Protein backbone atom coordinates (compact mmCIF):
# COMPACT_ATOMS: atom_id res chain seq x y z
CA MET A 1 -102.79 -47.00 22.16
CA ALA A 2 -100.87 -43.83 22.84
CA GLY A 3 -100.03 -45.28 26.40
CA ALA A 4 -98.72 -48.43 24.55
CA GLN A 5 -96.50 -46.61 22.05
CA THR A 6 -94.96 -44.56 24.89
CA ARG A 7 -94.27 -47.54 26.96
CA LYS A 8 -92.73 -49.31 23.90
CA LYS A 9 -90.51 -46.17 23.32
CA LYS A 10 -89.42 -46.14 26.86
CA ARG A 11 -88.42 -49.74 26.56
CA ALA A 12 -86.43 -49.02 23.45
CA ALA A 13 -84.72 -46.18 25.02
CA ARG A 14 -83.52 -48.45 27.91
CA ARG A 15 -82.51 -51.26 25.64
CA ARG A 16 -79.13 -52.59 26.93
CA PRO A 17 -76.31 -51.68 24.22
CA ASP A 18 -74.15 -54.71 23.16
CA ARG A 19 -70.88 -55.20 25.13
CA HIS A 20 -68.98 -55.76 21.89
CA GLU A 21 -70.06 -52.11 20.48
CA LEU A 22 -68.86 -50.58 23.67
CA TYR A 23 -65.62 -52.43 23.66
CA GLU A 24 -64.81 -51.27 20.09
CA GLN A 25 -65.44 -47.67 21.20
CA ALA A 26 -63.52 -47.66 24.42
CA VAL A 27 -60.65 -49.97 23.50
CA GLN A 28 -60.02 -50.24 19.69
CA CYS A 29 -58.56 -47.83 17.12
CA PRO A 30 -57.99 -49.98 13.95
CA GLU A 31 -57.03 -47.22 11.89
CA ALA A 32 -53.99 -46.19 14.03
CA ASP A 33 -53.10 -49.96 14.28
CA ILE A 34 -52.92 -50.37 10.40
CA LYS A 35 -51.07 -47.23 10.11
CA PHE A 36 -48.48 -48.54 12.56
CA PHE A 37 -48.43 -52.03 10.97
CA GLU A 38 -47.89 -50.38 7.41
CA ARG A 39 -44.97 -48.26 8.68
CA ILE A 40 -43.22 -51.20 10.21
CA TYR A 41 -43.68 -53.40 7.21
CA ARG A 42 -42.68 -50.85 4.76
CA ASN A 43 -39.39 -50.20 6.92
CA HIS A 44 -38.66 -53.91 6.46
CA ASN A 45 -39.47 -54.31 2.86
CA ALA A 46 -37.91 -51.22 1.02
CA GLY A 47 -41.06 -49.26 1.27
CA LYS A 48 -43.29 -52.05 -0.05
CA LEU A 49 -46.97 -52.12 1.35
CA PRO A 50 -48.35 -55.16 2.93
CA GLY A 51 -51.18 -56.66 1.33
CA SER A 52 -52.48 -59.31 3.78
CA LEU A 53 -53.31 -59.28 7.58
CA ARG A 54 -53.87 -62.11 9.88
CA GLU A 55 -55.83 -60.98 13.07
CA ASP A 56 -55.39 -63.39 15.77
CA PHE A 57 -57.92 -63.64 18.67
CA CYS A 58 -59.90 -61.38 16.44
CA GLY A 59 -62.92 -61.15 18.30
CA THR A 60 -65.46 -58.99 16.19
CA ALA A 61 -62.73 -58.85 13.51
CA ALA A 62 -62.93 -54.96 13.61
CA LEU A 63 -59.21 -54.67 12.65
CA ALA A 64 -59.63 -57.18 9.87
CA ALA A 65 -62.44 -55.40 8.38
CA GLU A 66 -60.74 -51.83 8.41
CA TRP A 67 -57.69 -53.67 6.83
CA VAL A 68 -60.00 -54.84 3.83
CA ARG A 69 -61.70 -51.49 3.89
CA LYS A 70 -58.32 -49.61 3.57
CA ARG A 71 -57.20 -50.84 0.22
CA PRO A 72 -59.02 -52.57 -2.63
CA THR A 73 -56.21 -55.18 -2.95
CA ASN A 74 -56.06 -56.10 0.80
CA LYS A 75 -57.02 -59.40 2.16
CA ALA A 76 -57.53 -60.33 5.74
CA LEU A 77 -58.05 -63.50 7.85
CA GLY A 78 -59.57 -63.27 11.44
CA ILE A 79 -59.16 -66.24 13.74
CA ASP A 80 -61.15 -66.72 17.02
CA LEU A 81 -62.55 -69.44 19.21
CA ASP A 82 -65.71 -67.62 20.24
CA GLY A 83 -68.44 -68.32 17.63
CA PRO A 84 -71.08 -65.83 19.04
CA THR A 85 -68.43 -63.05 19.02
CA LEU A 86 -67.38 -63.95 15.44
CA ASP A 87 -71.22 -64.06 14.34
CA TRP A 88 -71.50 -60.56 15.85
CA GLY A 89 -68.46 -59.34 14.07
CA ARG A 90 -70.06 -60.59 10.71
CA ARG A 91 -73.02 -58.73 11.14
CA ARG A 92 -71.55 -55.58 12.51
CA ASN A 93 -68.08 -55.22 10.54
CA VAL A 94 -67.98 -57.78 7.75
CA GLU A 95 -71.46 -57.57 5.96
CA PRO A 96 -71.38 -53.81 5.74
CA LEU A 97 -68.24 -54.03 3.51
CA GLY A 98 -70.41 -55.33 0.83
CA PRO A 99 -68.41 -56.97 -2.17
CA ALA A 100 -65.02 -56.15 -0.26
CA ALA A 101 -66.15 -58.79 2.52
CA GLU A 102 -65.08 -61.66 0.00
CA ARG A 103 -61.65 -60.57 0.92
CA LEU A 104 -62.09 -61.29 4.54
CA THR A 105 -62.23 -64.76 5.91
CA LEU A 106 -63.17 -65.39 9.54
CA LEU A 107 -62.28 -68.90 11.17
CA GLN A 108 -63.64 -70.31 14.31
CA LYS A 109 -60.48 -72.18 15.12
CA ASN A 110 -57.46 -72.39 17.77
CA VAL A 111 -54.91 -69.96 16.58
CA LEU A 112 -52.27 -72.83 17.26
CA ALA A 113 -54.13 -74.89 14.49
CA VAL A 114 -53.89 -72.41 11.54
CA THR A 115 -50.51 -71.65 9.43
CA ARG A 116 -52.13 -70.99 5.98
CA PRO A 117 -52.75 -68.69 4.04
CA LYS A 118 -49.30 -67.10 4.83
CA CYS A 119 -49.73 -63.36 5.54
CA ASP A 120 -47.43 -60.33 5.17
CA VAL A 121 -48.55 -59.06 9.06
CA ILE A 122 -49.76 -61.23 11.86
CA ALA A 123 -51.23 -59.12 14.64
CA ALA A 124 -52.03 -60.16 18.42
CA MET A 125 -53.64 -57.16 19.81
CA ASN A 126 -55.13 -56.07 23.00
CA PHE A 127 -52.59 -58.30 24.82
CA SER A 128 -54.60 -61.20 23.88
CA TYR A 129 -51.57 -63.67 23.80
CA PHE A 130 -51.51 -63.15 27.54
CA ILE A 131 -54.06 -65.98 27.62
CA PHE A 132 -50.86 -68.27 27.50
CA LYS A 133 -49.53 -68.45 31.03
CA LYS A 134 -46.83 -71.08 30.45
CA ARG A 135 -43.55 -70.28 28.59
CA GLU A 136 -43.91 -73.33 26.50
CA GLU A 137 -47.42 -72.40 25.48
CA LEU A 138 -46.50 -68.89 24.38
CA ARG A 139 -43.37 -70.35 22.55
CA ASP A 140 -45.46 -72.71 20.50
CA TYR A 141 -47.80 -70.10 19.65
CA PHE A 142 -44.96 -67.78 18.46
CA ARG A 143 -43.83 -70.69 16.24
CA ILE A 144 -47.15 -71.03 14.66
CA ALA A 145 -46.80 -67.37 13.86
CA ARG A 146 -43.60 -67.53 12.39
CA ARG A 147 -44.49 -70.56 10.24
CA SER A 148 -47.51 -68.32 9.06
CA LEU A 149 -45.59 -65.26 7.86
CA ALA A 150 -45.23 -64.70 4.26
CA PRO A 151 -41.52 -63.95 3.06
CA GLY A 152 -40.57 -60.42 4.60
CA GLY A 153 -43.49 -60.75 7.05
CA VAL A 154 -43.72 -59.04 10.39
CA PHE A 155 -45.42 -60.32 13.62
CA ILE A 156 -46.70 -57.51 15.64
CA LEU A 157 -47.74 -57.59 19.38
CA ASP A 158 -48.67 -54.84 21.85
CA ILE A 159 -47.79 -55.16 25.46
CA PHE A 160 -48.48 -53.06 28.54
CA GLY A 161 -46.66 -52.91 32.21
CA GLY A 162 -45.23 -50.66 34.98
CA SER A 163 -45.92 -50.65 38.50
CA ASP A 164 -49.32 -49.48 37.98
CA SER A 165 -50.29 -52.66 36.12
CA GLN A 166 -49.52 -54.84 39.08
CA ALA A 167 -51.84 -52.74 41.40
CA GLU A 168 -55.15 -54.08 42.45
CA GLU A 169 -57.22 -50.83 41.34
CA GLU A 170 -59.53 -49.50 38.76
CA GLU A 171 -58.97 -47.21 35.91
CA GLU A 172 -62.04 -45.13 34.66
CA LYS A 173 -62.25 -43.43 31.28
CA GLU A 174 -65.25 -41.07 30.32
CA LEU A 175 -66.62 -41.58 26.93
CA ASP A 176 -69.76 -40.40 24.84
CA GLY A 177 -72.83 -42.11 26.29
CA PHE A 178 -70.98 -44.23 28.96
CA ASN A 179 -67.89 -44.72 31.22
CA TYR A 180 -65.48 -47.66 30.88
CA TYR A 181 -63.74 -49.09 33.76
CA TRP A 182 -60.40 -51.31 33.52
CA ASP A 183 -60.56 -53.23 36.71
CA GLN A 184 -57.35 -54.92 38.02
CA ASP A 185 -58.89 -57.34 40.43
CA ARG A 186 -55.84 -59.62 41.25
CA PHE A 187 -52.15 -59.69 40.61
CA ASP A 188 -49.96 -62.55 41.82
CA PRO A 189 -46.30 -61.25 42.25
CA VAL A 190 -44.97 -64.78 42.18
CA THR A 191 -46.65 -66.15 38.98
CA HIS A 192 -47.63 -63.08 37.44
CA GLU A 193 -51.09 -64.44 36.97
CA THR A 194 -53.80 -61.54 36.88
CA LEU A 195 -57.34 -61.46 36.81
CA PHE A 196 -58.75 -58.28 34.92
CA TYR A 197 -62.33 -57.07 34.30
CA ILE A 198 -63.90 -54.50 31.95
CA HIS A 199 -66.96 -52.89 33.38
CA PHE A 200 -69.32 -50.20 31.65
CA LEU A 201 -71.47 -47.70 33.41
CA LEU A 202 -74.12 -46.14 31.00
CA ASP A 203 -75.16 -42.62 31.14
CA ASP A 204 -78.73 -43.71 32.46
CA GLY A 205 -77.25 -45.10 35.50
CA ARG A 206 -77.14 -48.78 34.49
CA TRP A 207 -74.15 -50.74 34.95
CA MET A 208 -72.73 -53.54 32.84
CA ARG A 209 -70.19 -55.20 35.36
CA LYS A 210 -67.78 -57.76 34.31
CA ALA A 211 -68.92 -57.33 30.65
CA PHE A 212 -65.28 -58.98 29.76
CA THR A 213 -63.01 -61.04 31.92
CA TYR A 214 -59.42 -61.72 31.34
CA ASP A 215 -57.52 -64.34 33.31
CA TRP A 216 -53.93 -63.93 32.13
CA ARG A 217 -50.39 -63.78 32.76
CA LEU A 218 -48.74 -60.46 32.85
CA TRP A 219 -45.50 -61.13 30.59
CA THR A 220 -42.76 -58.60 30.48
CA ILE A 221 -40.93 -57.12 27.43
CA PRO A 222 -37.48 -59.05 27.76
CA GLU A 223 -39.36 -62.34 28.52
CA VAL A 224 -41.53 -61.89 25.23
CA ARG A 225 -38.31 -61.12 23.13
CA GLU A 226 -36.57 -64.01 24.55
CA ILE A 227 -39.37 -66.23 23.74
CA LEU A 228 -39.89 -65.04 20.21
CA ALA A 229 -36.00 -65.81 19.60
CA GLU A 230 -36.41 -69.48 20.95
CA ALA A 231 -39.47 -69.67 18.50
CA GLY A 232 -37.24 -68.77 15.59
CA PHE A 233 -37.51 -65.06 15.01
CA THR A 234 -34.08 -63.55 14.48
CA HIS A 235 -34.83 -59.88 15.05
CA THR A 236 -37.18 -58.10 17.41
CA GLU A 237 -37.96 -54.30 17.81
CA VAL A 238 -39.68 -52.53 20.71
CA TYR A 239 -41.82 -49.39 19.87
CA TRP A 240 -42.46 -47.32 23.09
CA GLU A 241 -45.60 -44.83 23.28
CA GLY A 242 -44.62 -41.33 23.84
CA THR A 243 -46.31 -39.01 26.41
CA GLU A 244 -48.08 -35.71 26.43
CA ARG A 245 -46.01 -33.31 28.39
CA SER A 246 -49.20 -31.27 29.70
CA THR A 247 -50.86 -34.53 31.03
CA GLY A 248 -48.45 -37.15 31.23
CA GLU A 249 -50.80 -39.52 29.26
CA GLY A 250 -49.79 -41.52 26.26
CA ASN A 251 -49.91 -39.63 23.03
CA GLY A 252 -50.32 -42.60 20.55
CA VAL A 253 -47.02 -42.10 18.87
CA PHE A 254 -44.89 -45.10 19.00
CA LEU A 255 -40.89 -44.77 18.56
CA LYS A 256 -38.47 -47.48 18.29
CA THR A 257 -36.34 -47.76 21.54
CA SER A 258 -33.63 -49.77 23.30
CA HIS A 259 -33.79 -48.48 26.87
CA GLN A 260 -36.46 -46.55 28.95
CA SER A 261 -36.86 -44.95 32.19
CA SER A 262 -39.12 -46.62 34.74
CA CYS A 263 -42.73 -45.22 34.63
CA PRO A 264 -45.92 -46.44 36.59
CA GLY A 265 -47.62 -47.29 33.24
CA TRP A 266 -46.64 -47.91 29.67
CA ILE A 267 -47.73 -49.53 26.39
CA ALA A 268 -45.64 -50.65 23.58
CA TYR A 269 -45.48 -52.63 20.43
CA ILE A 270 -43.19 -55.34 19.78
CA ALA A 271 -42.31 -56.28 16.15
CA ALA A 272 -40.60 -59.59 15.25
CA THR A 273 -39.18 -60.50 11.93
CA MET A 274 -36.92 -63.17 10.33
CA GLY A 275 -34.13 -60.77 9.46
CA LYS A 276 -32.80 -57.30 10.17
CA SER A 277 -33.30 -55.03 7.33
């Protein structure tokens, strides 16, 4: 009996962690995103706070859940095509909200097929819109986003680039209990089509290779702003991440900018509205 219990404990200790849980720990910071969203929305709406969020390509809906948790009047809509990922998010992020979960709706649909309810903020985070490789496809998505905004609404996207983003290399980040690897497997300089992977190395030496795969087009800031204008947005702003002087790494502080010096790697937000405030 004792031997059986020991074997059971060992199997439990080696149970494979869920890839979505590791992703949330390694990549996402909903609290910081929401703080930024509120700041931008208030800048365009005389200090008024946004009440509703639409999270496109929401995956596990970590951002939408945090939005609802933030304030008792907040409502959120999460949209994604992947049913199993949405189911995981319901169990992990939505159900623990308790009664507040009633203010969060998850839809297993194409983001191009949803225009209601209209929301104060629409967010496409983690470069998810890079899935659209053709200009007309991206323009169609931006048009849907514009039609889905409430009056005074803001459409927010993140974007990355720099010479390092076109190099076929791996970036490693050490975290609590595992290491995260961003693998830039392939980049085509003619089409800007890319193939990225996320791998995880657990502290016990086990690998979770190709936990996530991204077959994208690497869009640039001017391209995205031009297509937003073609889709009917009348004003766009770029918010550039600052750097720590001691390390040269990003500091998580995003400030509005019109021009920047070249650097090997950068992250920025683009905010699009229907009018300049």
